[in-house]
Amino acid sequence: MLILEIIAAILVILLGICVVRAAACPKTTGQPLITDPGRAAAYAEKLSAMVRCETVSRRGETDAAKFLAFHKKLEELFPNVFSKLEKIELDGSLLMKWRGSGNSKPILLLAHMDVVPASDEGWRYPPFSGTVADGAVWGRGAMDTKCSLLGFFQAAEELLAEGYVPDCDIYLASSCTEEIGGDGAPKIVSYLKERGVRLGMVLDEGGGVIDNAAGLPGTHSMIALGERGQADIRFIARSAGGHASTPPKNTPLVRLGRFMADCEKHNPFRRELSPTVRATFETAAETCPFWMKLIFCNFWLFAPLFKVLLPVINSSGEALLQTTMAFTMASGSNGYNVIPREASVCANIRFSVHQNMEESLELLRRRAAKYDIEMELIQGNPASDVLDVNGPAYRQIAALTAKLFPEATVSPFFSTGATDARFFREVTEHTVRFAPIVLNSQQYGSMHAVDENIGVDSIPRTVDFFREVIRTVRI
């Protein structure tokens, strides 16, 4: 009886500590800044013109004509930038150099110009019409990422008109192959390396000012500290083949099926609540209901339960906690009555930081071998380095974000997608992944989907954010 009383007392004490910590969680968000409707309308027209330039990138296409035409449109929209900055054209990708007056390390602002394909089917307005209606600019690329591209080109355009000269070199960069993982960004990096340029910071997409991000209530400025790695893999099963009228056991397709079922039923990858993911939910707790605060403010107690519940509560939760794998393609014989000599399935892997590329691939190779299956790496890259939340790049960007988007809680996180930023690790120690764009749930969900759009009223703050970065951020 005494033991039960002691256990009950301990539980009461633990619960009391959790309640006190949750109750002490602050709420600091304010109201959105009001923007000038005239500025917003003018910026929206520029973004509309950029969207009307069809800049779809496709694997195997080498003609840069559409991207060079887009450069011409940018030159029309931002004449100061193109008349006063040095232009470097790299097979369709673009790098503009703004020479500074001092010795501070250069800063590079990055946003890709290419977009994914889109048909007219299902769209409220045609995807390359750039329609301005219902308080938004509609079209493929409006959000991903021509709004960011407009933001820093317009910021530079205005500062140049004011006679501003930065005290460090500023680079405005845009690749034309981000959506296909091509060589646009690597060519920009090679250009910088050949000239011995070491950047103080790179600022690219990866986060944003998002409503209900990761299923969390409220608005959050999600600043990505890094991104997962990724790879395409082919799993191959072989046999002697034969006629389907006399089938042997364990044919290639059967072995592949068992392998895939095994991977789905018995997850080969380890779940871990990384410091970055922990920080995401701890900082987001202030906008959450009390029961969520109780968990997010007390990971010292609830971390094991959280790792189990998060993938159930939110579809992207699993991607935050572990390496993930999706089987995407398959092939076998060409005849209904022919057992294949070789069959294969392909998978896309996204590597976590705590179980990165080498370890994850070795786990899969061992699992495949149990089914007499070979594994072939088509292409891949490891997870990125993790940006230090106590370092100068994160602190300065977080401070600007809090200033210009006071309605949002600033939250670090780890991006589940891949961006051009990953290529710049060779020329900088500080890569921040954040697009200063306000997105509601529909807009965030429209990335690579129908009805991509961006709110007209949000665009001035995108420009103002980049103005402040150019003027004040120094590493």
Protein backbone atom coordinates (compact mmCIF):
# COMPACT_ATOMS: atom_id res chain seq x y z
CA MET A 1 0.00 0.00 0.00
CA LEU A 2 2.82 2.36 0.87
CA ILE A 3 4.46 1.70 -2.51
CA LEU A 4 1.24 2.65 -4.34
CA GLU A 5 0.99 5.85 -2.31
CA ILE A 6 4.58 6.74 -3.18
CA ILE A 7 3.95 6.08 -6.87
CA ALA A 8 0.77 8.19 -6.75
CA ALA A 9 2.63 11.03 -5.06
CA ILE A 10 5.38 10.92 -7.68
CA LEU A 11 2.80 11.03 -10.48
CA VAL A 12 1.06 14.01 -8.86
CA ILE A 13 4.39 15.83 -8.55
CA LEU A 14 5.29 15.10 -12.18
CA LEU A 15 1.90 16.26 -13.36
CA GLY A 16 2.20 19.41 -11.27
CA ILE A 17 5.59 20.20 -12.81
CA CYS A 18 4.18 19.67 -16.30
CA VAL A 19 1.18 21.92 -15.64
CA VAL A 20 3.37 24.70 -14.22
CA ARG A 21 5.72 24.55 -17.23
CA ALA A 22 2.80 24.58 -19.68
CA ALA A 23 1.11 27.49 -17.89
CA ALA A 24 4.35 29.48 -18.02
CA CYS A 25 4.51 29.21 -21.83
CA PRO A 26 4.30 32.80 -23.15
CA LYS A 27 2.15 34.17 -25.95
CA THR A 28 3.99 36.95 -27.76
CA THR A 29 2.49 37.21 -31.25
CA GLY A 30 0.89 40.47 -32.39
CA GLN A 31 -1.09 41.86 -35.31
CA PRO A 32 0.00 41.79 -38.98
CA LEU A 33 1.58 44.96 -40.31
CA ILE A 34 -0.65 47.03 -42.62
CA THR A 35 0.77 47.47 -46.13
CA ASP A 36 0.17 50.17 -48.73
CA PRO A 37 -2.46 49.00 -51.28
CA GLY A 38 -0.74 51.00 -54.04
CA ARG A 39 2.58 49.23 -53.52
CA ALA A 40 0.83 45.89 -53.31
CA ALA A 41 -0.98 46.41 -56.61
CA ALA A 42 2.20 47.52 -58.40
CA TYR A 43 4.15 44.53 -57.11
CA ALA A 44 1.31 42.19 -58.06
CA GLU A 45 1.46 43.38 -61.67
CA LYS A 46 5.19 42.69 -61.79
CA LEU A 47 4.70 39.22 -60.33
CA SER A 48 1.89 38.60 -62.83
CA ALA A 49 4.27 39.42 -65.69
CA MET A 50 6.83 36.99 -64.29
CA VAL A 51 4.26 34.19 -63.98
CA ARG A 52 3.15 34.75 -67.59
CA CYS A 53 6.65 33.70 -68.66
CA GLU A 54 6.41 29.93 -68.88
CA THR A 55 9.63 28.60 -67.32
CA VAL A 56 8.91 24.89 -66.90
CA SER A 57 12.05 22.77 -66.52
CA ARG A 58 12.04 19.20 -67.79
CA ARG A 59 14.66 16.48 -67.59
CA GLY A 60 16.51 16.07 -70.85
CA GLU A 61 15.72 19.55 -72.17
CA THR A 62 18.84 21.62 -72.84
CA ASP A 63 17.45 24.62 -74.71
CA ALA A 64 17.74 27.67 -72.44
CA ALA A 65 15.68 29.97 -74.71
CA LYS A 66 12.69 30.25 -72.38
CA PHE A 67 14.92 31.14 -69.45
CA LEU A 68 16.83 33.74 -71.45
CA ALA A 69 13.46 35.25 -72.41
CA PHE A 70 12.63 35.37 -68.71
CA HIS A 71 15.89 37.26 -68.12
CA LYS A 72 14.70 39.83 -70.67
CA LYS A 73 11.43 40.21 -68.78
CA LEU A 74 13.34 40.73 -65.53
CA GLU A 75 15.43 43.39 -67.26
CA GLU A 76 12.23 45.22 -68.25
CA LEU A 77 10.79 45.00 -64.74
CA PHE A 78 13.99 45.88 -62.84
CA PRO A 79 16.02 48.26 -65.03
CA ASN A 80 18.22 49.61 -62.21
CA VAL A 81 19.34 46.11 -61.26
CA PHE A 82 20.36 45.22 -64.79
CA SER A 83 22.01 48.54 -65.59
CA LYS A 84 24.02 48.87 -62.36
CA LEU A 85 24.84 45.29 -61.35
CA GLU A 86 27.16 42.84 -63.07
CA LYS A 87 25.20 40.15 -64.91
CA ILE A 88 26.52 36.59 -65.16
CA GLU A 89 24.45 34.22 -67.30
CA LEU A 90 25.19 30.52 -66.81
CA ASP A 91 23.30 28.40 -69.36
CA GLY A 92 19.96 29.88 -68.36
CA SER A 93 20.70 30.40 -64.68
CA LEU A 94 21.34 33.95 -63.53
CA LEU A 95 23.75 35.60 -61.11
CA MET A 96 23.79 39.36 -60.48
CA LYS A 97 26.67 40.90 -58.51
CA TRP A 98 26.19 44.14 -56.55
CA ARG A 99 29.62 45.36 -55.51
CA GLY A 100 29.83 46.61 -51.95
CA SER A 101 32.01 49.29 -50.43
CA GLY A 102 33.41 47.35 -47.47
CA ASN A 103 35.02 44.09 -46.47
CA SER A 104 32.10 42.25 -44.88
CA LYS A 105 31.48 38.76 -46.26
CA PRO A 106 29.18 38.60 -49.32
CA ILE A 107 25.53 37.59 -48.99
CA LEU A 108 23.71 35.60 -51.65
CA LEU A 109 19.92 35.72 -52.08
CA LEU A 110 18.57 32.71 -53.95
CA ALA A 111 15.25 31.80 -55.62
CA HIS A 112 14.77 29.51 -58.59
CA MET A 113 13.08 30.72 -61.77
CA ASP A 114 11.99 27.32 -63.09
CA VAL A 115 8.61 25.78 -62.27
CA VAL A 116 6.94 22.39 -62.50
CA PRO A 117 4.51 21.63 -65.36
CA ALA A 118 0.83 22.53 -65.13
CA SER A 119 -2.19 21.83 -67.33
CA ASP A 120 -5.33 24.00 -67.36
CA GLU A 121 -7.44 21.22 -65.86
CA GLY A 122 -8.81 22.02 -62.42
CA TRP A 123 -7.39 25.55 -62.18
CA ARG A 124 -9.61 28.48 -61.28
CA TYR A 125 -7.53 30.61 -63.66
CA PRO A 126 -5.12 29.31 -66.34
CA PRO A 127 -1.79 28.45 -64.72
CA PHE A 128 0.34 30.74 -66.88
CA SER A 129 -2.12 33.63 -67.08
CA GLY A 130 -0.76 35.44 -64.03
CA THR A 131 -4.33 36.50 -63.25
CA VAL A 132 -4.69 39.05 -60.46
CA ALA A 133 -8.09 38.39 -58.87
CA ASP A 134 -9.74 37.66 -55.54
CA GLY A 135 -6.90 39.41 -53.72
CA ALA A 136 -4.19 37.12 -55.12
CA VAL A 137 -1.81 36.54 -58.03
CA TRP A 138 -2.63 33.15 -59.56
CA GLY A 139 -0.38 30.88 -61.57
CA ARG A 140 2.41 28.35 -61.59
CA GLY A 141 5.43 29.79 -59.82
CA ALA A 142 3.57 32.63 -58.09
CA MET A 143 4.57 31.14 -54.76
CA ASP A 144 7.29 28.64 -55.78
CA THR A 145 9.42 30.79 -56.06
CA LYS A 146 8.86 33.81 -58.30
CA CYS A 147 7.44 35.83 -55.41
CA SER A 148 10.76 35.54 -53.56
CA LEU A 149 12.60 36.33 -56.79
CA LEU A 150 10.49 39.45 -57.22
CA GLY A 151 11.07 40.28 -53.56
CA PHE A 152 14.83 40.62 -53.68
CA PHE A 153 14.99 42.06 -57.21
CA GLN A 154 12.46 44.73 -56.23
CA ALA A 155 14.30 45.42 -52.97
CA ALA A 156 17.54 45.96 -54.89
CA GLU A 157 15.71 48.05 -57.52
CA GLU A 158 14.40 50.45 -54.88
CA LEU A 159 17.64 50.68 -52.91
CA LEU A 160 19.61 51.40 -56.09
CA ALA A 161 17.14 54.19 -56.93
CA GLU A 162 17.80 55.65 -53.48
CA GLY A 163 21.56 55.61 -54.12
CA TYR A 164 22.23 52.95 -51.50
CA VAL A 165 25.58 51.15 -51.64
CA PRO A 166 25.93 48.04 -49.43
CA ASP A 167 29.07 47.55 -47.35
CA CYS A 168 29.41 44.01 -48.66
CA ASP A 169 28.94 42.34 -52.02
CA ILE A 170 25.36 41.22 -52.59
CA TYR A 171 24.59 38.42 -55.05
CA LEU A 172 21.12 37.89 -56.51
CA ALA A 173 20.96 34.32 -57.83
CA SER A 174 18.38 32.22 -59.64
CA SER A 175 18.84 28.74 -61.10
CA CYS A 176 16.72 27.29 -63.90
CA THR A 177 16.93 23.63 -62.85
CA GLU A 178 15.87 23.47 -59.20
CA GLU A 179 12.69 21.53 -59.88
CA ILE A 180 14.58 18.75 -61.65
CA GLY A 181 17.63 18.70 -59.37
CA GLY A 182 19.77 19.89 -62.26
CA ASP A 183 23.12 21.63 -62.62
CA GLY A 184 21.92 25.25 -62.50
CA ALA A 185 22.84 25.90 -58.87
CA PRO A 186 26.05 23.82 -59.06
CA LYS A 187 27.18 26.02 -61.96
CA ILE A 188 26.62 29.12 -59.82
CA VAL A 189 28.64 27.50 -57.03
CA SER A 190 31.43 26.57 -59.45
CA TYR A 191 31.55 30.16 -60.72
CA LEU A 192 31.96 31.45 -57.16
CA LYS A 193 34.57 28.84 -56.23
CA GLU A 194 36.67 29.60 -59.31
CA ARG A 195 36.87 33.22 -58.14
CA GLY A 196 37.61 32.37 -54.54
CA VAL A 197 34.32 33.77 -53.24
CA ARG A 198 33.44 32.70 -49.71
CA LEU A 199 29.90 33.73 -48.77
CA GLY A 200 28.86 34.94 -45.35
CA MET A 201 25.33 33.65 -45.84
CA VAL A 202 22.96 32.11 -48.39
CA LEU A 203 19.22 32.75 -48.03
CA ASP A 204 16.95 30.42 -50.00
CA GLU A 205 13.46 28.94 -49.80
CA GLY A 206 12.58 26.18 -47.37
CA GLY A 207 10.21 27.77 -44.87
CA GLY A 208 7.66 30.56 -44.83
CA VAL A 209 5.05 32.36 -42.75
CA ILE A 210 2.46 29.59 -42.68
CA ASP A 211 -0.94 29.08 -41.08
CA ASN A 212 -1.32 25.77 -39.22
CA ALA A 213 2.17 24.61 -40.17
CA ALA A 214 2.71 20.90 -39.43
CA GLY A 215 -0.83 20.84 -38.01
CA LEU A 216 0.00 23.42 -35.32
CA PRO A 217 -2.63 26.07 -34.55
CA GLY A 218 -1.82 29.68 -35.38
CA THR A 219 0.69 31.28 -37.75
CA HIS A 220 4.36 30.33 -37.66
CA SER A 221 7.44 31.75 -39.33
CA MET A 222 9.15 28.46 -40.15
CA ILE A 223 12.91 28.95 -40.61
CA ALA A 224 14.57 25.76 -41.85
CA LEU A 225 17.91 24.94 -40.26
CA GLY A 226 18.65 22.36 -42.95
CA GLU A 227 17.06 19.85 -45.27
CA ARG A 228 16.87 16.12 -45.61
CA GLY A 229 19.04 14.31 -48.10
CA GLN A 230 17.49 12.27 -50.88
CA ALA A 231 18.23 9.41 -53.23
CA ASP A 232 16.67 7.37 -56.00
CA ILE A 233 17.26 3.64 -55.64
CA ARG A 234 16.49 0.60 -57.80
CA PHE A 235 15.91 -2.82 -56.27
CA ILE A 236 16.49 -5.70 -58.71
CA ALA A 237 15.37 -9.33 -58.47
CA ARG A 238 16.63 -11.89 -61.00
CA SER A 239 15.68 -15.42 -62.05
CA ALA A 240 16.04 -17.90 -64.90
CA GLY A 241 12.71 -16.71 -66.30
CA GLY A 242 10.38 -19.17 -67.96
CA HIS A 243 6.82 -19.76 -69.09
CA ALA A 244 3.96 -18.79 -66.78
CA SER A 245 2.28 -22.17 -67.29
CA THR A 246 4.85 -23.83 -65.01
CA PRO A 247 5.72 -21.15 -62.45
CA PRO A 248 8.45 -21.75 -59.85
CA LYS A 249 8.29 -20.38 -56.33
CA ASN A 250 9.79 -17.03 -55.31
CA THR A 251 9.77 -15.41 -58.72
CA PRO A 252 11.31 -11.90 -58.96
CA LEU A 253 8.01 -10.07 -58.58
CA VAL A 254 7.01 -12.16 -55.56
CA ARG A 255 10.34 -11.47 -53.83
CA LEU A 256 10.05 -7.77 -54.56
CA GLY A 257 6.50 -7.76 -53.23
CA ARG A 258 7.55 -9.45 -50.01
CA PHE A 259 10.44 -7.03 -49.63
CA MET A 260 8.18 -4.00 -50.06
CA ALA A 261 5.60 -5.39 -47.64
CA ASP A 262 8.35 -6.07 -45.10
CA CYS A 263 9.66 -2.49 -45.35
CA GLU A 264 6.18 -1.07 -44.89
CA LYS A 265 5.25 -3.36 -42.00
CA HIS A 266 8.63 -3.32 -40.25
CA ASN A 267 10.07 0.17 -40.67
CA PRO A 268 13.84 -0.18 -41.19
CA PHE A 269 14.56 3.36 -39.99
CA ARG A 270 14.93 4.72 -36.46
CA ARG A 271 12.62 7.42 -35.12
CA GLU A 272 14.33 10.14 -33.15
CA LEU A 273 13.19 13.45 -31.71
CA SER A 274 16.08 15.60 -32.92
CA PRO A 275 16.97 18.90 -31.22
CA THR A 276 15.61 20.77 -34.26
CA VAL A 277 12.24 19.02 -34.23
CA ARG A 278 12.04 19.43 -30.46
CA ALA A 279 12.69 23.17 -30.86
CA THR A 280 9.99 23.42 -33.54
CA PHE A 281 7.27 22.23 -31.21
CA GLU A 282 8.62 23.93 -28.10
CA THR A 283 8.57 27.35 -29.75
CA ALA A 284 5.19 26.68 -31.37
CA ALA A 285 3.61 25.72 -28.03
CA GLU A 286 2.51 29.28 -27.26
CA THR A 287 -0.18 29.17 -29.94
CA CYS A 288 -1.48 25.73 -28.98
CA PRO A 289 -4.31 24.50 -26.75
CA PHE A 290 -3.30 23.70 -23.19
CA TRP A 291 -3.18 19.94 -23.74
CA MET A 292 -0.62 20.44 -26.52
CA LYS A 293 1.40 22.83 -24.34
CA LEU A 294 1.42 20.16 -21.67
CA ILE A 295 3.27 17.84 -24.08
CA PHE A 296 5.41 20.36 -26.01
CA CYS A 297 6.74 22.07 -22.87
CA ASN A 298 7.58 18.76 -21.21
CA PHE A 299 9.48 16.63 -23.72
CA TRP A 300 11.69 15.54 -20.82
CA LEU A 301 8.73 13.35 -19.89
CA PHE A 302 6.59 12.97 -23.01
CA ALA A 303 9.18 12.49 -25.79
CA PRO A 304 8.59 8.70 -26.11
CA LEU A 305 4.82 9.21 -26.36
CA PHE A 306 5.28 12.08 -28.84
CA LYS A 307 7.36 9.94 -31.21
CA VAL A 308 4.51 7.43 -31.37
CA LEU A 309 1.65 9.94 -31.68
CA LEU A 310 3.06 12.52 -34.12
CA PRO A 311 2.91 10.33 -37.27
CA VAL A 312 -0.67 9.40 -36.36
CA ILE A 313 -1.81 12.98 -35.72
CA ASN A 314 -0.09 14.56 -38.73
CA SER A 315 0.68 12.96 -42.10
CA SER A 316 4.05 14.69 -42.34
CA GLY A 317 5.01 13.74 -38.80
CA GLU A 318 6.91 10.65 -39.86
CA ALA A 319 9.06 12.73 -42.19
CA LEU A 320 10.10 14.92 -39.23
CA LEU A 321 11.24 11.97 -37.14
CA GLN A 322 13.04 9.57 -39.47
CA THR A 323 14.36 8.63 -42.88
CA THR A 324 11.42 7.84 -45.17
CA MET A 325 11.06 5.71 -48.30
CA ALA A 326 8.34 5.65 -50.97
CA PHE A 327 8.20 2.98 -53.70
CA THR A 328 7.37 4.82 -56.92
CA MET A 329 8.10 2.74 -60.03
CA ALA A 330 8.08 -0.94 -61.07
CA SER A 331 8.93 -3.11 -64.07
CA GLY A 332 8.74 -6.80 -64.99
CA SER A 333 8.34 -8.85 -68.16
CA ASN A 334 6.67 -7.63 -71.35
CA GLY A 335 4.30 -10.59 -71.61
CA TYR A 336 1.36 -11.78 -69.55
CA ASN A 337 2.63 -15.36 -69.78
CA VAL A 338 6.34 -14.68 -69.28
CA ILE A 339 8.11 -14.88 -65.94
CA PRO A 340 10.67 -12.07 -65.94
CA ARG A 341 14.36 -12.83 -65.86
CA GLU A 342 14.68 -9.46 -64.17
CA ALA A 343 12.15 -7.32 -62.30
CA SER A 344 12.69 -4.14 -60.36
CA VAL A 345 11.07 -1.52 -58.20
CA CYS A 346 12.33 1.99 -57.62
CA ALA A 347 12.09 4.06 -54.47
CA ASN A 348 12.72 7.64 -53.42
CA ILE A 349 14.49 7.97 -50.06
CA ARG A 350 14.67 11.08 -47.86
CA PHE A 351 17.45 10.90 -45.27
CA SER A 352 17.21 12.24 -41.75
CA VAL A 353 20.19 13.87 -40.06
CA HIS A 354 20.38 11.30 -37.25
CA GLN A 355 20.34 8.37 -39.73
CA ASN A 356 21.94 9.83 -42.80
CA MET A 357 22.65 8.48 -46.26
CA GLU A 358 25.37 5.90 -45.61
CA GLU A 359 23.64 4.23 -42.65
CA SER A 360 20.17 4.27 -44.26
CA LEU A 361 21.42 2.70 -47.50
CA GLU A 362 23.28 -0.02 -45.65
CA LEU A 363 20.11 -0.93 -43.72
CA LEU A 364 18.19 -1.25 -46.99
CA ARG A 365 20.95 -3.23 -48.68
CA ARG A 366 20.89 -5.79 -45.86
CA ARG A 367 17.09 -6.00 -45.90
CA ALA A 368 17.05 -6.51 -49.69
CA ALA A 369 19.71 -9.23 -49.52
CA LYS A 370 17.39 -11.34 -47.35
CA TYR A 371 15.10 -11.62 -50.37
CA ASP A 372 17.94 -12.17 -52.87
CA ILE A 373 17.49 -8.68 -54.20
CA GLU A 374 20.25 -6.36 -55.39
CA MET A 375 20.24 -2.62 -54.68
CA GLU A 376 21.47 0.04 -57.11
CA LEU A 377 21.94 3.69 -56.16
CA ILE A 378 20.82 5.85 -59.08
CA GLN A 379 21.67 9.18 -57.50
CA GLY A 380 21.69 10.71 -54.06
CA ASN A 381 23.01 13.27 -51.63
CA PRO A 382 23.17 13.28 -47.82
CA ALA A 383 21.21 15.48 -45.46
CA SER A 384 22.55 19.01 -45.12
CA ASP A 385 24.51 20.48 -42.26
CA VAL A 386 22.36 21.96 -39.49
CA LEU A 387 22.38 25.74 -39.05
CA ASP A 388 23.25 26.84 -35.51
CA VAL A 389 20.26 28.58 -33.86
CA ASN A 390 22.73 30.52 -31.73
CA GLY A 391 24.78 31.60 -34.73
CA PRO A 392 24.69 35.05 -36.38
CA ALA A 393 22.76 34.04 -39.51
CA TYR A 394 19.81 32.47 -37.72
CA ARG A 395 19.67 35.14 -35.01
CA GLN A 396 19.57 38.02 -37.52
CA ILE A 397 17.02 36.40 -39.84
CA ALA A 398 14.85 35.38 -36.88
CA ALA A 399 14.92 38.95 -35.53
CA LEU A 400 13.88 40.39 -38.91
CA THR A 401 11.15 37.81 -39.24
CA ALA A 402 9.73 38.67 -35.82
CA LYS A 403 9.84 42.37 -36.73
CA LEU A 404 8.12 42.14 -40.12
CA PHE A 405 5.74 39.29 -39.34
CA PRO A 406 4.65 40.02 -35.75
CA GLU A 407 1.54 37.86 -36.10
CA ALA A 408 3.71 34.73 -36.36
CA THR A 409 5.72 32.68 -33.90
CA VAL A 410 9.31 32.19 -35.10
CA SER A 411 9.97 28.45 -35.19
CA PRO A 412 13.09 26.61 -36.36
CA PHE A 413 12.47 23.37 -38.22
CA PHE A 414 14.10 20.90 -40.60
CA SER A 415 12.84 20.98 -44.19
CA THR A 416 11.49 17.72 -45.60
CA GLY A 417 11.99 18.90 -49.20
CA ALA A 418 15.08 19.49 -51.31
CA THR A 419 16.24 22.93 -52.49
CA ASP A 420 19.11 24.48 -54.42
CA ALA A 421 20.56 25.61 -51.08
CA ARG A 422 22.13 22.19 -50.55
CA PHE A 423 24.73 22.87 -53.24
CA PHE A 424 26.13 25.95 -51.50
CA ARG A 425 27.67 24.15 -48.53
CA GLU A 426 31.00 24.37 -50.40
CA VAL A 427 31.04 28.18 -50.29
CA THR A 428 29.35 29.08 -46.99
CA GLU A 429 28.94 27.92 -43.42
CA HIS A 430 25.61 29.71 -43.01
CA THR A 431 22.64 28.65 -45.13
CA VAL A 432 19.18 29.86 -44.05
CA ARG A 433 16.11 28.38 -45.70
CA PHE A 434 13.24 30.85 -45.37
CA ALA A 435 10.98 32.55 -47.92
CA PRO A 436 9.39 35.70 -46.43
CA ILE A 437 5.95 34.90 -47.84
CA VAL A 438 2.65 34.71 -45.93
CA LEU A 439 0.71 31.57 -46.84
CA ASN A 440 -2.65 30.28 -45.74
CA SER A 441 -3.34 26.55 -45.75
CA GLN A 442 -4.72 26.54 -49.31
CA GLN A 443 -1.78 28.48 -50.68
CA TYR A 444 0.75 26.26 -48.94
CA GLY A 445 -1.02 23.19 -50.30
CA SER A 446 -1.00 24.59 -53.85
CA MET A 447 2.74 24.14 -54.27
CA HIS A 448 3.17 21.80 -57.28
CA ALA A 449 -0.64 21.49 -57.31
CA VAL A 450 -3.60 23.33 -58.86
CA ASP A 451 -4.52 26.94 -58.02
CA GLU A 452 -1.07 28.06 -56.90
CA ASN A 453 -1.40 31.67 -55.74
CA ILE A 454 -0.01 34.31 -53.42
CA GLY A 455 -1.89 37.07 -51.62
CA VAL A 456 -1.43 40.54 -53.12
CA ASP A 457 -1.33 42.21 -49.70
CA SER A 458 1.52 39.97 -48.57
CA ILE A 459 3.97 40.97 -51.32
CA PRO A 460 5.13 44.35 -49.87
CA ARG A 461 6.38 42.65 -46.72
CA THR A 462 8.33 40.19 -48.87
CA VAL A 463 10.07 43.17 -50.50
CA ASP A 464 10.60 44.94 -47.17
CA PHE A 465 12.15 41.82 -45.66
CA PHE A 466 14.74 41.60 -48.43
CA ARG A 467 15.42 45.35 -48.14
CA GLU A 468 16.29 44.80 -44.49
CA VAL A 469 18.43 41.78 -45.25
CA ILE A 470 20.45 43.75 -47.80
CA ARG A 471 20.83 46.71 -45.46
CA THR A 472 21.44 45.07 -42.10
CA VAL A 473 22.38 41.38 -42.17
CA ARG A 474 26.12 40.91 -41.83
CA ILE A 475 28.04 37.78 -40.95
